[in-house]
């Protein structure tokens, strides 16, 4: 039995379409915002005001979001293949997986897990994936809902139905609009195969969809493969393709500091070369990073009283890590020892180099 009803889906869809109708035309102009210090004014980067973000080549109705999707438990997930890549989250103790072959058809998912709202974004071009809590200051404790808006910084942008503010889908920060400047709280995600995720989380839920989705042209084999070379011209026009410190489609885990004015990229190849967990100084803080399977990266910003501790992975399945002071955590930083304190997630996400450096042209590269 599916966990969502047809009535739920239909009602949410009608509400979304009504909001979209009301919002059409409202996004063509927005309040003047202070320049983003991370966006270069060099012509090849195209400053925000000159980008195509407000004149998307894609009509908004082409990519409607997936709202409160149907989910099933593992023993009903016959639509899944072991090698399918998923974006996995754990909310309030409940794991849930979002298969890319479904996710990529919509790019944006507005969902709830144990009554906790969550918005997720994924781009099959740049491989970027992020999740956020869509409850932000200044909106009376209500959650925002999102869909694709346009393109900028080498990828797509999103806007919320409620205020038509434009956001970066992977940083969770506003770009312009009535709520600028605002930021959503990041929810850590792991990208890996369904086989690996389900083995670590046998109690997981997973999005349900017809296998016919696999036949749709939009998520063709070429586009669905992470790290493919195809980049549409529109993304190139609003991207930074001149910074060749790394290959355009090289995988990185990009991190910003708390204020968002400093950034650094950790190439996955660099993380692979580390012996044990990587402790890395960045902007007067220590960050802890570790690869998980093929594409997953865990990243944390250590508190001052943790910076001198030694950390190591103690188990791969289930993933666990510990320090020399008796602390123990899972890959999402949740404390496993009684009375332990959760780790602070790094403000970072998995993506490809060209997308990261398009948004953060002054970014450093870890070495």
Protein backbone atom coordinates (compact mmCIF):
# COMPACT_ATOMS: atom_id res chain seq x y z
CA UNK A 1 0.00 0.00 0.00
CA UNK A 2 1.44 3.35 -1.01
CA UNK A 3 2.06 5.86 1.75
CA UNK A 4 0.48 8.78 -0.12
CA UNK A 5 -3.08 8.89 -1.40
CA UNK A 6 -4.29 9.96 -4.80
CA UNK A 7 -6.24 12.73 -3.08
CA UNK A 8 -3.05 14.07 -1.47
CA UNK A 9 -1.22 14.14 -4.77
CA UNK A 10 -4.08 15.72 -6.70
CA UNK A 11 -4.73 18.39 -4.10
CA UNK A 12 -1.07 19.36 -3.87
CA UNK A 13 -0.74 19.44 -7.65
CA UNK A 14 -3.79 21.71 -8.03
CA UNK A 15 -2.48 24.02 -5.31
CA UNK A 16 0.90 24.16 -7.05
CA UNK A 17 -0.64 24.95 -10.43
CA UNK A 18 -2.81 27.67 -8.90
CA UNK A 19 0.23 29.22 -7.20
CA UNK A 20 2.17 29.00 -10.45
CA UNK A 21 -0.63 30.75 -12.34
CA UNK A 22 -0.72 33.55 -9.80
CA UNK A 23 3.05 33.85 -9.84
CA UNK A 24 3.44 33.98 -13.62
CA UNK A 25 4.80 37.37 -14.48
CA UNK A 26 5.74 38.12 -10.90
CA UNK A 27 9.25 36.87 -11.41
CA UNK A 28 10.20 39.18 -14.21
CA UNK A 29 11.34 41.89 -11.85
CA UNK A 30 12.72 41.83 -8.33
CA UNK A 31 14.15 44.26 -5.81
CA UNK A 32 17.68 45.47 -6.38
CA UNK A 33 20.05 43.43 -4.20
CA UNK A 34 23.59 44.07 -3.13
CA UNK A 35 26.10 42.37 -5.46
CA UNK A 36 27.05 38.88 -4.37
CA UNK A 37 30.76 39.03 -3.39
CA UNK A 38 31.27 35.53 -4.75
CA UNK A 39 30.04 36.38 -8.27
CA UNK A 40 32.75 37.80 -10.48
CA UNK A 41 31.99 40.72 -12.78
CA UNK A 42 34.26 39.29 -15.46
CA UNK A 43 32.29 38.88 -18.71
CA UNK A 44 32.77 35.13 -18.86
CA UNK A 45 30.99 34.71 -15.54
CA UNK A 46 28.10 37.04 -16.37
CA UNK A 47 27.09 38.90 -13.24
CA UNK A 48 23.64 38.00 -11.94
CA UNK A 49 21.89 41.00 -13.51
CA UNK A 50 23.23 40.00 -16.94
CA UNK A 51 22.49 36.29 -16.68
CA UNK A 52 19.63 34.36 -18.26
CA UNK A 53 18.14 33.51 -14.88
CA UNK A 54 15.05 35.65 -15.38
CA UNK A 55 14.62 34.72 -19.06
CA UNK A 56 14.96 30.97 -18.93
CA UNK A 57 15.08 29.09 -22.26
CA UNK A 58 12.74 26.56 -20.61
CA UNK A 59 9.10 27.49 -19.95
CA UNK A 60 8.45 26.84 -16.27
CA UNK A 61 5.74 24.28 -16.95
CA UNK A 62 8.28 21.93 -18.58
CA UNK A 63 9.85 21.05 -15.24
CA UNK A 64 7.21 21.04 -12.53
CA UNK A 65 8.42 19.76 -9.14
CA UNK A 66 7.59 16.44 -7.55
CA UNK A 67 5.39 17.16 -4.53
CA UNK A 68 4.97 14.71 -1.63
CA UNK A 69 5.75 11.65 -3.80
CA UNK A 70 4.60 8.10 -3.21
CA UNK A 71 7.02 6.04 -1.16
CA UNK A 72 7.37 2.33 -0.43
CA UNK A 73 9.49 0.24 1.98
CA UNK A 74 12.40 -1.90 0.82
CA UNK A 75 10.34 -5.09 0.49
CA UNK A 76 8.04 -3.35 -2.01
CA UNK A 77 10.79 -1.69 -4.04
CA UNK A 78 10.65 -4.01 -7.06
CA UNK A 79 11.06 -0.96 -9.31
CA UNK A 80 14.62 -0.46 -8.05
CA UNK A 81 17.84 -1.99 -9.42
CA UNK A 82 20.91 -2.65 -7.30
CA UNK A 83 23.05 -0.29 -9.40
CA UNK A 84 20.57 2.61 -9.36
CA UNK A 85 22.09 5.76 -7.88
CA UNK A 86 20.09 7.43 -5.13
CA UNK A 87 20.28 10.54 -3.00
CA UNK A 88 19.77 9.40 0.58
CA UNK A 89 18.74 11.38 3.66
CA UNK A 90 17.83 10.54 7.24
CA UNK A 91 15.25 12.78 8.90
CA UNK A 92 14.24 12.28 12.52
CA UNK A 93 15.61 8.73 12.35
CA UNK A 94 13.78 7.82 9.12
CA UNK A 95 15.95 7.07 6.03
CA UNK A 96 14.56 7.83 2.58
CA UNK A 97 16.12 7.37 -0.87
CA UNK A 98 15.44 9.41 -3.99
CA UNK A 99 16.49 7.48 -7.14
CA UNK A 100 18.16 9.68 -9.73
CA UNK A 101 16.23 8.12 -12.61
CA UNK A 102 13.08 9.55 -11.01
CA UNK A 103 14.56 12.64 -9.36
CA UNK A 104 16.17 13.82 -12.59
CA UNK A 105 12.80 14.05 -14.34
CA UNK A 106 11.71 16.78 -11.92
CA UNK A 107 14.93 18.28 -10.53
CA UNK A 108 13.10 19.54 -7.44
CA UNK A 109 11.23 17.53 -4.78
CA UNK A 110 9.06 19.10 -2.08
CA UNK A 111 8.56 16.40 0.53
CA UNK A 112 7.88 15.67 4.19
CA UNK A 113 9.47 12.96 6.34
CA UNK A 114 7.94 12.31 9.76
CA UNK A 115 6.13 15.64 9.41
CA UNK A 116 9.44 17.43 8.79
CA UNK A 117 9.46 19.44 5.52
CA UNK A 118 12.36 18.98 3.14
CA UNK A 119 13.23 20.31 -0.32
CA UNK A 120 15.76 18.51 -2.52
CA UNK A 121 17.38 19.53 -5.80
CA UNK A 122 19.37 17.51 -8.34
CA UNK A 123 20.86 18.42 -11.72
CA UNK A 124 21.67 15.61 -14.15
CA UNK A 125 24.02 17.94 -16.05
CA UNK A 126 26.35 19.02 -13.22
CA UNK A 127 25.57 16.10 -10.84
CA UNK A 128 24.84 18.60 -8.06
CA UNK A 129 22.59 17.40 -5.23
CA UNK A 130 21.44 19.13 -2.04
CA UNK A 131 18.65 19.08 0.53
CA UNK A 132 17.38 21.79 2.86
CA UNK A 133 14.85 22.58 5.54
CA UNK A 134 12.54 25.04 3.73
CA UNK A 135 11.46 26.82 6.91
CA UNK A 136 13.32 30.15 7.01
CA UNK A 137 13.29 33.26 9.14
CA UNK A 138 10.87 35.93 8.06
CA UNK A 139 8.09 33.62 6.91
CA UNK A 140 6.26 32.94 10.18
CA UNK A 141 7.48 29.37 10.59
CA UNK A 142 5.81 28.17 7.41
CA UNK A 143 7.66 26.03 4.88
CA UNK A 144 8.40 27.25 1.37
CA UNK A 145 7.85 25.12 -1.73
CA UNK A 146 10.01 25.32 -4.85
CA UNK A 147 10.32 24.63 -8.54
CA UNK A 148 12.77 25.43 -11.35
CA UNK A 149 12.93 29.12 -12.22
CA UNK A 150 15.68 29.70 -14.79
CA UNK A 151 19.44 29.30 -15.24
CA UNK A 152 22.48 31.04 -13.78
CA UNK A 153 25.97 30.14 -12.51
CA UNK A 154 26.26 27.12 -14.78
CA UNK A 155 23.08 25.38 -13.62
CA UNK A 156 19.41 26.01 -12.95
CA UNK A 157 17.85 28.29 -10.35
CA UNK A 158 14.71 27.74 -8.28
CA UNK A 159 12.10 30.06 -6.88
CA UNK A 160 9.60 29.63 -4.07
CA UNK A 161 5.90 29.81 -4.84
CA UNK A 162 5.13 31.86 -1.76
CA UNK A 163 7.34 34.94 -2.40
CA UNK A 164 8.84 34.32 -5.87
CA UNK A 165 12.31 34.84 -4.40
CA UNK A 166 15.06 33.27 -6.54
CA UNK A 167 17.41 30.79 -4.84
CA UNK A 168 20.47 28.72 -5.65
CA UNK A 169 19.28 25.09 -5.52
CA UNK A 170 22.55 23.74 -4.10
CA UNK A 171 23.75 26.48 -1.74
CA UNK A 172 20.30 27.16 -0.31
CA UNK A 173 21.00 30.92 -0.47
CA UNK A 174 18.85 33.57 -2.10
CA UNK A 175 20.03 35.30 -5.25
CA UNK A 176 17.42 38.02 -5.46
CA UNK A 177 13.86 38.78 -4.44
CA UNK A 178 11.85 39.91 -1.44
CA UNK A 179 13.53 37.44 0.95
CA UNK A 180 17.09 38.26 -0.09
CA UNK A 181 19.37 37.77 1.73
CA UNK A 182 18.19 34.50 3.29
CA UNK A 183 19.59 31.02 3.73
CA UNK A 184 18.02 27.61 4.33
CA UNK A 185 19.43 25.09 6.80
CA UNK A 186 21.32 22.37 4.94
CA UNK A 187 20.32 18.73 5.37
CA UNK A 188 23.25 16.38 4.63
CA UNK A 189 22.78 13.86 1.81
CA UNK A 190 24.70 10.85 0.56
CA UNK A 191 24.79 9.83 -3.11
CA UNK A 192 25.45 6.14 -3.71
CA UNK A 193 23.95 2.99 -5.22
CA UNK A 194 20.63 1.63 -4.05
CA UNK A 195 22.39 -1.62 -3.08
CA UNK A 196 24.78 0.18 -0.73
CA UNK A 197 22.15 2.48 0.73
CA UNK A 198 19.62 -0.29 1.37
CA UNK A 199 22.31 -2.48 2.96
CA UNK A 200 23.15 0.24 5.48
CA UNK A 201 19.55 1.27 5.98
CA UNK A 202 17.27 -1.81 5.67
CA UNK A 203 14.45 0.27 7.18
CA UNK A 204 14.67 2.87 4.41
CA UNK A 205 11.81 4.15 2.32
CA UNK A 206 12.25 4.89 -1.37
CA UNK A 207 10.34 6.93 -3.93
CA UNK A 208 8.02 4.84 -6.06
CA UNK A 209 7.64 5.40 -9.79
CA UNK A 210 6.78 3.46 -12.89
CA UNK A 211 9.74 1.84 -14.62
CA UNK A 212 8.56 3.60 -17.78
CA UNK A 213 10.37 6.66 -16.40
CA UNK A 214 13.60 4.92 -17.41
CA UNK A 215 12.56 5.20 -21.05
CA UNK A 216 12.08 8.97 -21.05
CA UNK A 217 14.50 10.89 -23.27
CA UNK A 218 15.34 13.53 -20.69
CA UNK A 219 17.21 11.10 -18.47
CA UNK A 220 18.88 9.21 -21.29
CA UNK A 221 21.84 6.95 -20.52
CA UNK A 222 24.28 9.70 -21.54
CA UNK A 223 22.73 12.34 -19.31
CA UNK A 224 22.06 10.01 -16.38
CA UNK A 225 25.70 8.94 -16.09
CA UNK A 226 27.45 11.08 -13.49
CA UNK A 227 30.34 13.11 -14.87
CA UNK A 228 29.28 13.00 -18.51
CA UNK A 229 30.80 15.62 -20.79
CA UNK A 230 27.58 17.09 -22.16
CA UNK A 231 26.84 20.66 -21.01
CA UNK A 232 24.01 22.56 -22.77
CA UNK A 233 24.90 25.87 -24.35
CA UNK A 234 22.64 27.80 -21.99
CA UNK A 235 24.60 26.54 -19.00
CA UNK A 236 27.88 27.36 -20.72
CA UNK A 237 26.68 30.91 -21.42
CA UNK A 238 26.10 31.58 -17.71
CA UNK A 239 28.98 29.45 -16.44
CA UNK A 240 32.67 29.75 -15.78
CA UNK A 241 34.29 27.52 -18.38
CA UNK A 242 37.67 29.28 -18.35
CA UNK A 243 38.91 28.05 -14.97
CA UNK A 244 40.70 24.84 -15.88
CA UNK A 245 42.45 24.07 -12.61
CA UNK A 246 40.32 20.94 -12.75
CA UNK A 247 38.49 19.27 -15.63
CA UNK A 248 35.03 20.72 -16.19
CA UNK A 249 33.30 17.52 -15.09
CA UNK A 250 35.69 16.59 -12.26
CA UNK A 251 33.81 15.63 -9.10
CA UNK A 252 34.26 17.90 -6.10
CA UNK A 253 32.75 18.42 -2.68
CA UNK A 254 32.47 22.18 -2.39
CA UNK A 255 32.38 23.87 1.02
CA UNK A 256 31.70 27.43 2.14
CA UNK A 257 32.31 29.02 5.51
CA UNK A 258 29.43 30.07 7.77
CA UNK A 259 29.00 33.48 6.20
CA UNK A 260 29.31 32.16 2.65
CA UNK A 261 32.03 34.60 1.62
CA UNK A 262 34.87 32.03 1.51
CA UNK A 263 34.83 28.76 -0.42
CA UNK A 264 36.97 25.74 -1.17
CA UNK A 265 36.59 22.67 -3.37
CA UNK A 266 37.74 19.19 -2.33
CA UNK A 267 38.31 17.08 -5.45
CA UNK A 268 37.18 13.50 -4.90
CA UNK A 269 40.52 12.33 -6.27
CA UNK A 270 42.23 14.33 -3.52
CA UNK A 271 40.03 12.73 -0.86
CA UNK A 272 40.84 9.29 -2.27
CA UNK A 273 44.53 9.93 -1.66
CA UNK A 274 44.10 10.49 2.06
CA UNK A 275 45.00 7.89 4.62
CA UNK A 276 42.16 7.94 7.07
CA UNK A 277 39.77 10.82 7.66
CA UNK A 278 40.92 14.20 6.39
CA UNK A 279 41.12 17.07 8.89
CA UNK A 280 41.55 20.29 6.91
CA UNK A 281 41.92 23.91 8.12
CA UNK A 282 39.71 26.41 6.34
CA UNK A 283 38.72 29.95 7.36
CA UNK A 284 39.81 29.65 11.01
CA UNK A 285 38.00 26.34 11.45
CA UNK A 286 38.82 22.65 11.09
CA UNK A 287 36.81 20.52 8.69
CA UNK A 288 36.53 16.74 8.75
CA UNK A 289 35.91 14.87 5.49
CA UNK A 290 35.64 11.26 4.38
CA UNK A 291 34.61 9.44 1.22
CA UNK A 292 31.71 6.99 1.44
CA UNK A 293 31.50 4.45 -1.40
CA UNK A 294 31.71 5.76 -4.99
CA UNK A 295 30.18 9.24 -4.78
CA UNK A 296 29.32 9.94 -1.17
CA UNK A 297 31.25 12.46 0.93
CA UNK A 298 30.68 13.27 4.58
CA UNK A 299 31.85 16.68 5.74
CA UNK A 300 31.71 18.35 9.15
CA UNK A 301 32.84 21.61 10.71
CA UNK A 302 34.49 20.80 14.03
CA UNK A 303 33.79 22.77 17.17
CA UNK A 304 36.77 24.39 18.85
CA UNK A 305 36.87 21.72 21.56
CA UNK A 306 36.99 18.97 18.88
CA UNK A 307 39.76 20.34 16.70
CA UNK A 308 42.57 18.51 18.49
CA UNK A 309 40.75 15.16 18.56
CA UNK A 310 41.80 12.28 16.34
CA UNK A 311 39.01 10.78 14.19
CA UNK A 312 38.83 7.46 12.37
CA UNK A 313 36.30 5.30 10.55
CA UNK A 314 35.43 2.33 12.75
CA UNK A 315 32.89 0.61 10.48
CA UNK A 316 31.97 0.73 6.79
CA UNK A 317 28.62 -1.06 7.01
CA UNK A 318 26.99 0.53 8.86
CA UNK A 319 29.23 3.56 8.49
CA UNK A 320 30.53 4.74 11.86
CA UNK A 321 33.36 6.98 12.96
CA UNK A 322 34.83 7.76 16.35
CA UNK A 323 37.32 10.06 18.02
CA UNK A 324 39.90 9.43 20.72
CA UNK A 325 37.65 11.01 23.36
CA UNK A 326 34.97 8.32 23.23
CA UNK A 327 32.63 10.00 20.76
CA UNK A 328 30.94 7.97 18.01
CA UNK A 329 28.85 9.11 15.02
CA UNK A 330 27.17 7.91 11.84
CA UNK A 331 27.77 9.44 8.40
CA UNK A 332 25.25 12.20 9.05
CA UNK A 333 27.04 13.24 12.22
CA UNK A 334 24.41 11.87 14.59
CA UNK A 335 25.93 10.92 17.94
CA UNK A 336 25.78 7.17 18.63
CA UNK A 337 27.15 7.22 22.18
CA UNK A 338 24.78 8.05 25.01
CA UNK A 339 24.90 11.72 25.87
CA UNK A 340 27.04 12.49 22.84
CA UNK A 341 26.74 15.68 20.82
CA UNK A 342 25.98 15.64 17.09
CA UNK A 343 28.65 16.90 14.71
CA UNK A 344 28.03 20.11 12.78
CA UNK A 345 27.55 19.39 9.05
CA UNK A 346 29.78 21.33 6.68
CA UNK A 347 27.94 23.73 4.40
CA UNK A 348 28.89 21.79 1.29
CA UNK A 349 27.62 19.58 -1.50
CA UNK A 350 28.69 17.14 -4.22
CA UNK A 351 28.87 18.59 -7.74
CA UNK A 352 31.11 18.99 -10.79
CA UNK A 353 33.91 21.53 -10.98
CA UNK A 354 32.39 23.80 -13.63
CA UNK A 355 29.20 24.27 -11.62
CA UNK A 356 31.04 24.94 -8.37
CA UNK A 357 33.49 27.44 -9.86
CA UNK A 358 30.66 29.19 -11.75
CA UNK A 359 29.01 30.02 -8.44
CA UNK A 360 32.24 30.58 -6.52
CA UNK A 361 34.85 31.89 -9.00
CA UNK A 362 37.21 32.86 -6.15
CA UNK A 363 37.16 29.35 -4.66
CA UNK A 364 40.33 27.65 -3.57
CA UNK A 365 41.15 24.01 -4.27
CA UNK A 366 42.26 21.72 -1.46
CA UNK A 367 45.73 20.24 -1.90
